[in-house]
Amino acid sequence: MASTPEELTISYSEDGVEVVKELDKVILSKGAWTTIIFRYQDWNRSKEEYGPDKYSIRRYQKRSGEYLPKSKFNISSRDQAKAIIDALQGWTAD
């Protein structure tokens, strides 16, 4: 388990293969509850290559000095990510 937000990752290996490859992350908030957005790719076993970029927003709660995953929202495509960006920009425009 991670003891700082910087240590949190969604990278995951199985049988020596990195099946979830973290490309980047942005820590949106820190504290007892930490929110991070990750950019990642999944390994496609049949094609033996990584798929398109995906995104995940994850919330962690710090308990006894360790961060525990509490919730997540996966953004499965670039188009869905752009739609979320457009909606947020519309709501936050001055």
N, C-alpha and C. Protein backbone atom coordinates (compact mmCIF):
# COMPACT_ATOMS: atom_id res chain seq x y z
N MET A 1 0.83 -1.20 0.00
CA MET A 1 0.00 0.00 0.00
C MET A 1 0.87 1.25 0.00
N ALA A 2 0.32 2.31 -0.54
CA ALA A 2 1.04 3.58 -0.64
C ALA A 2 0.79 4.44 0.59
N SER A 3 1.81 5.17 0.99
CA SER A 3 1.67 6.07 2.14
C SER A 3 1.65 7.54 1.71
N THR A 4 1.90 7.82 0.41
CA THR A 4 1.77 9.18 -0.13
C THR A 4 1.01 9.11 -1.45
N PRO A 5 0.33 10.20 -1.85
CA PRO A 5 -0.38 10.19 -3.14
C PRO A 5 0.55 9.94 -4.32
N GLU A 6 1.78 10.41 -4.23
CA GLU A 6 2.74 10.23 -5.32
C GLU A 6 3.05 8.75 -5.57
N GLU A 7 2.92 7.92 -4.55
CA GLU A 7 3.19 6.48 -4.68
C GLU A 7 2.03 5.70 -5.30
N LEU A 8 0.84 6.29 -5.34
CA LEU A 8 -0.32 5.59 -5.87
C LEU A 8 -0.18 5.39 -7.37
N THR A 9 -0.56 4.22 -7.85
CA THR A 9 -0.46 3.89 -9.27
C THR A 9 -1.58 2.94 -9.65
N ILE A 10 -1.89 2.91 -10.95
CA ILE A 10 -2.83 1.90 -11.43
C ILE A 10 -2.11 0.85 -12.28
N SER A 11 -0.80 0.99 -12.41
CA SER A 11 -0.02 -0.03 -13.14
C SER A 11 -0.27 -1.39 -12.50
N TYR A 12 -0.40 -2.40 -13.36
CA TYR A 12 -0.69 -3.74 -12.87
C TYR A 12 -0.04 -4.76 -13.78
N SER A 13 0.69 -5.69 -13.19
CA SER A 13 1.34 -6.76 -13.96
C SER A 13 0.75 -8.11 -13.59
N GLU A 14 0.71 -8.98 -14.59
CA GLU A 14 0.19 -10.33 -14.41
C GLU A 14 1.06 -11.27 -15.23
N ASP A 15 1.60 -12.28 -14.61
CA ASP A 15 2.47 -13.24 -15.29
C ASP A 15 3.62 -12.55 -16.03
N GLY A 16 4.18 -11.53 -15.42
CA GLY A 16 5.32 -10.82 -16.02
C GLY A 16 4.97 -9.84 -17.12
N VAL A 17 3.67 -9.63 -17.37
CA VAL A 17 3.23 -8.70 -18.40
C VAL A 17 2.51 -7.53 -17.73
N GLU A 18 2.90 -6.31 -18.09
CA GLU A 18 2.22 -5.13 -17.56
C GLU A 18 0.90 -4.98 -18.31
N VAL A 19 -0.20 -5.43 -17.71
CA VAL A 19 -1.50 -5.43 -18.37
C VAL A 19 -2.21 -4.08 -18.27
N VAL A 20 -1.87 -3.29 -17.26
CA VAL A 20 -2.34 -1.91 -17.16
C VAL A 20 -1.09 -1.04 -17.05
N LYS A 21 -0.87 -0.22 -18.06
CA LYS A 21 0.34 0.60 -18.13
C LYS A 21 -0.03 2.06 -17.86
N GLU A 22 0.42 2.57 -16.71
CA GLU A 22 0.16 3.97 -16.37
C GLU A 22 1.07 4.87 -17.21
N LEU A 23 0.46 5.84 -17.90
CA LEU A 23 1.21 6.77 -18.74
C LEU A 23 1.46 8.10 -18.03
N ASP A 24 0.51 8.51 -17.21
CA ASP A 24 0.63 9.79 -16.51
C ASP A 24 -0.43 9.85 -15.42
N LYS A 25 -0.26 10.80 -14.51
CA LYS A 25 -1.29 11.03 -13.49
C LYS A 25 -1.20 12.48 -13.04
N VAL A 26 -2.34 12.98 -12.59
CA VAL A 26 -2.42 14.31 -12.01
C VAL A 26 -3.15 14.18 -10.69
N ILE A 27 -2.51 14.64 -9.63
CA ILE A 27 -3.14 14.61 -8.31
C ILE A 27 -4.04 15.84 -8.22
N LEU A 28 -5.35 15.61 -8.13
CA LEU A 28 -6.32 16.70 -8.10
C LEU A 28 -6.52 17.26 -6.70
N SER A 29 -6.42 16.41 -5.69
CA SER A 29 -6.53 16.86 -4.30
C SER A 29 -5.77 15.91 -3.41
N LYS A 30 -5.25 16.45 -2.31
CA LYS A 30 -4.51 15.66 -1.33
C LYS A 30 -5.15 15.83 0.03
N GLY A 31 -4.89 14.90 0.90
CA GLY A 31 -5.40 14.97 2.27
C GLY A 31 -5.93 13.62 2.69
N ALA A 32 -6.85 13.65 3.66
CA ALA A 32 -7.46 12.40 4.12
C ALA A 32 -8.17 11.70 2.97
N TRP A 33 -8.73 12.48 2.06
CA TRP A 33 -9.30 11.96 0.82
C TRP A 33 -8.49 12.54 -0.33
N THR A 34 -7.96 11.68 -1.17
CA THR A 34 -7.13 12.10 -2.30
C THR A 34 -7.80 11.68 -3.59
N THR A 35 -7.79 12.59 -4.57
CA THR A 35 -8.37 12.31 -5.88
C THR A 35 -7.27 12.44 -6.94
N ILE A 36 -7.19 11.43 -7.80
CA ILE A 36 -6.17 11.40 -8.84
C ILE A 36 -6.82 11.00 -10.16
N ILE A 37 -6.41 11.66 -11.23
CA ILE A 37 -6.82 11.22 -12.57
C ILE A 37 -5.60 10.59 -13.23
N PHE A 38 -5.81 9.38 -13.77
CA PHE A 38 -4.74 8.62 -14.40
C PHE A 38 -4.99 8.52 -15.91
N ARG A 39 -3.92 8.52 -16.67
CA ARG A 39 -3.96 8.19 -18.10
C ARG A 39 -3.24 6.85 -18.23
N TYR A 40 -3.87 5.89 -18.91
CA TYR A 40 -3.30 4.55 -18.97
C TYR A 40 -3.69 3.83 -20.26
N GLN A 41 -3.07 2.68 -20.46
CA GLN A 41 -3.40 1.79 -21.57
C GLN A 41 -3.52 0.37 -21.05
N ASP A 42 -4.43 -0.39 -21.66
CA ASP A 42 -4.58 -1.82 -21.35
C ASP A 42 -3.84 -2.64 -22.40
N TRP A 43 -3.25 -3.76 -21.97
CA TRP A 43 -2.57 -4.67 -22.86
C TRP A 43 -3.60 -5.55 -23.56
N ASN A 44 -3.54 -5.60 -24.89
CA ASN A 44 -4.41 -6.45 -25.68
C ASN A 44 -3.65 -7.74 -25.97
N ARG A 45 -4.04 -8.82 -25.31
CA ARG A 45 -3.31 -10.09 -25.43
C ARG A 45 -3.35 -10.65 -26.86
N SER A 46 -4.50 -10.54 -27.51
CA SER A 46 -4.62 -11.13 -28.84
C SER A 46 -3.77 -10.38 -29.87
N LYS A 47 -3.68 -9.07 -29.76
CA LYS A 47 -2.87 -8.28 -30.70
C LYS A 47 -1.43 -8.10 -30.22
N GLU A 48 -1.19 -8.45 -28.96
CA GLU A 48 0.10 -8.26 -28.33
C GLU A 48 0.61 -6.83 -28.45
N GLU A 49 -0.29 -5.89 -28.10
CA GLU A 49 0.06 -4.47 -28.10
C GLU A 49 -0.88 -3.74 -27.14
N TYR A 50 -0.49 -2.52 -26.79
CA TYR A 50 -1.34 -1.72 -25.92
C TYR A 50 -2.43 -1.05 -26.74
N GLY A 51 -3.60 -0.93 -26.12
CA GLY A 51 -4.73 -0.30 -26.77
C GLY A 51 -4.66 1.21 -26.66
N PRO A 52 -5.75 1.88 -27.04
CA PRO A 52 -5.79 3.34 -26.99
C PRO A 52 -5.75 3.85 -25.56
N ASP A 53 -5.40 5.12 -25.43
CA ASP A 53 -5.38 5.76 -24.11
C ASP A 53 -6.76 5.72 -23.47
N LYS A 54 -6.76 5.49 -22.16
CA LYS A 54 -7.97 5.54 -21.35
C LYS A 54 -7.65 6.41 -20.14
N TYR A 55 -8.67 6.76 -19.39
CA TYR A 55 -8.50 7.66 -18.26
C TYR A 55 -9.34 7.14 -17.10
N SER A 56 -8.87 7.38 -15.88
CA SER A 56 -9.60 6.93 -14.70
C SER A 56 -9.44 7.97 -13.59
N ILE A 57 -10.55 8.34 -12.99
CA ILE A 57 -10.55 9.22 -11.83
C ILE A 57 -10.77 8.34 -10.62
N ARG A 58 -9.84 8.42 -9.67
CA ARG A 58 -9.90 7.53 -8.50
C ARG A 58 -9.81 8.31 -7.21
N ARG A 59 -10.57 7.84 -6.21
CA ARG A 59 -10.57 8.44 -4.88
C ARG A 59 -9.99 7.44 -3.89
N TYR A 60 -9.14 7.96 -3.01
CA TYR A 60 -8.51 7.15 -1.99
C TYR A 60 -8.72 7.80 -0.63
N GLN A 61 -8.88 6.97 0.38
CA GLN A 61 -8.99 7.46 1.76
C GLN A 61 -7.77 7.00 2.53
N LYS A 62 -7.19 7.93 3.29
CA LYS A 62 -6.02 7.58 4.09
C LYS A 62 -6.49 7.11 5.46
N ARG A 63 -6.08 5.88 5.78
CA ARG A 63 -6.39 5.27 7.08
C ARG A 63 -5.14 4.59 7.61
N SER A 64 -4.83 4.87 8.85
CA SER A 64 -3.65 4.27 9.49
C SER A 64 -2.38 4.47 8.65
N GLY A 65 -2.27 5.63 8.02
CA GLY A 65 -1.08 5.97 7.26
C GLY A 65 -1.01 5.39 5.86
N GLU A 66 -2.03 4.66 5.42
CA GLU A 66 -2.04 4.05 4.09
C GLU A 66 -3.27 4.51 3.31
N TYR A 67 -3.11 4.67 1.99
CA TYR A 67 -4.22 5.05 1.12
C TYR A 67 -4.96 3.82 0.63
N LEU A 68 -6.25 3.81 0.83
CA LEU A 68 -7.11 2.70 0.40
C LEU A 68 -8.03 3.18 -0.71
N PRO A 69 -8.16 2.40 -1.80
CA PRO A 69 -9.07 2.80 -2.87
C PRO A 69 -10.51 2.76 -2.39
N LYS A 70 -11.27 3.81 -2.74
CA LYS A 70 -12.67 3.87 -2.31
C LYS A 70 -13.64 3.95 -3.47
N SER A 71 -13.28 4.64 -4.55
CA SER A 71 -14.18 4.71 -5.70
C SER A 71 -13.39 5.05 -6.95
N LYS A 72 -14.00 4.75 -8.09
CA LYS A 72 -13.34 5.07 -9.36
C LYS A 72 -14.38 5.29 -10.44
N PHE A 73 -13.98 6.09 -11.42
CA PHE A 73 -14.79 6.30 -12.62
C PHE A 73 -13.85 6.18 -13.81
N ASN A 74 -14.11 5.22 -14.69
CA ASN A 74 -13.27 5.01 -15.86
C ASN A 74 -13.86 5.73 -17.06
N ILE A 75 -13.01 6.49 -17.74
CA ILE A 75 -13.38 7.17 -18.98
C ILE A 75 -12.79 6.32 -20.09
N SER A 76 -13.65 5.70 -20.87
CA SER A 76 -13.20 4.62 -21.75
C SER A 76 -12.73 5.04 -23.13
N SER A 77 -12.88 6.31 -23.48
CA SER A 77 -12.45 6.72 -24.81
C SER A 77 -12.07 8.20 -24.83
N ARG A 78 -11.35 8.57 -25.85
CA ARG A 78 -10.96 9.97 -26.04
C ARG A 78 -12.21 10.83 -26.27
N ASP A 79 -13.19 10.30 -27.00
CA ASP A 79 -14.42 11.05 -27.26
C ASP A 79 -15.17 11.33 -25.96
N GLN A 80 -15.25 10.34 -25.08
CA GLN A 80 -15.93 10.55 -23.81
C GLN A 80 -15.16 11.58 -22.96
N ALA A 81 -13.83 11.52 -22.98
CA ALA A 81 -13.02 12.49 -22.24
C ALA A 81 -13.28 13.90 -22.77
N LYS A 82 -13.33 14.07 -24.08
CA LYS A 82 -13.58 15.39 -24.67
C LYS A 82 -14.97 15.90 -24.30
N ALA A 83 -15.96 15.01 -24.26
CA ALA A 83 -17.32 15.42 -23.88
C ALA A 83 -17.35 15.90 -22.43
N ILE A 84 -16.61 15.24 -21.55
CA ILE A 84 -16.53 15.66 -20.14
C ILE A 84 -15.84 17.03 -20.05
N ILE A 85 -14.75 17.19 -20.80
CA ILE A 85 -14.03 18.47 -20.81
C ILE A 85 -14.96 19.59 -21.28
N ASP A 86 -15.69 19.35 -22.37
CA ASP A 86 -16.61 20.37 -22.90
C ASP A 86 -17.67 20.75 -21.88
N ALA A 87 -18.23 19.76 -21.20
CA ALA A 87 -19.26 20.04 -20.20
C ALA A 87 -18.69 20.87 -19.05
N LEU A 88 -17.52 20.48 -18.54
CA LEU A 88 -16.90 21.23 -17.44
C LEU A 88 -16.52 22.64 -17.86
N GLN A 89 -15.99 22.80 -19.06
CA GLN A 89 -15.64 24.14 -19.53
C GLN A 89 -16.88 25.02 -19.67
N GLY A 90 -17.96 24.43 -20.12
CA GLY A 90 -19.21 25.19 -20.22
C GLY A 90 -19.74 25.63 -18.86
N TRP A 91 -19.62 24.77 -17.89
CA TRP A 91 -20.11 25.08 -16.55
C TRP A 91 -19.22 26.05 -15.80
N THR A 92 -17.92 26.08 -16.13
CA THR A 92 -17.00 26.90 -15.37
C THR A 92 -16.57 28.16 -16.10
N ALA A 93 -17.12 28.40 -17.29
CA ALA A 93 -16.74 29.59 -18.04
C ALA A 93 -17.20 30.85 -17.30
N ASP A 94 -16.34 31.85 -17.31
CA ASP A 94 -16.70 33.11 -16.64
C ASP A 94 -17.41 34.05 -17.58
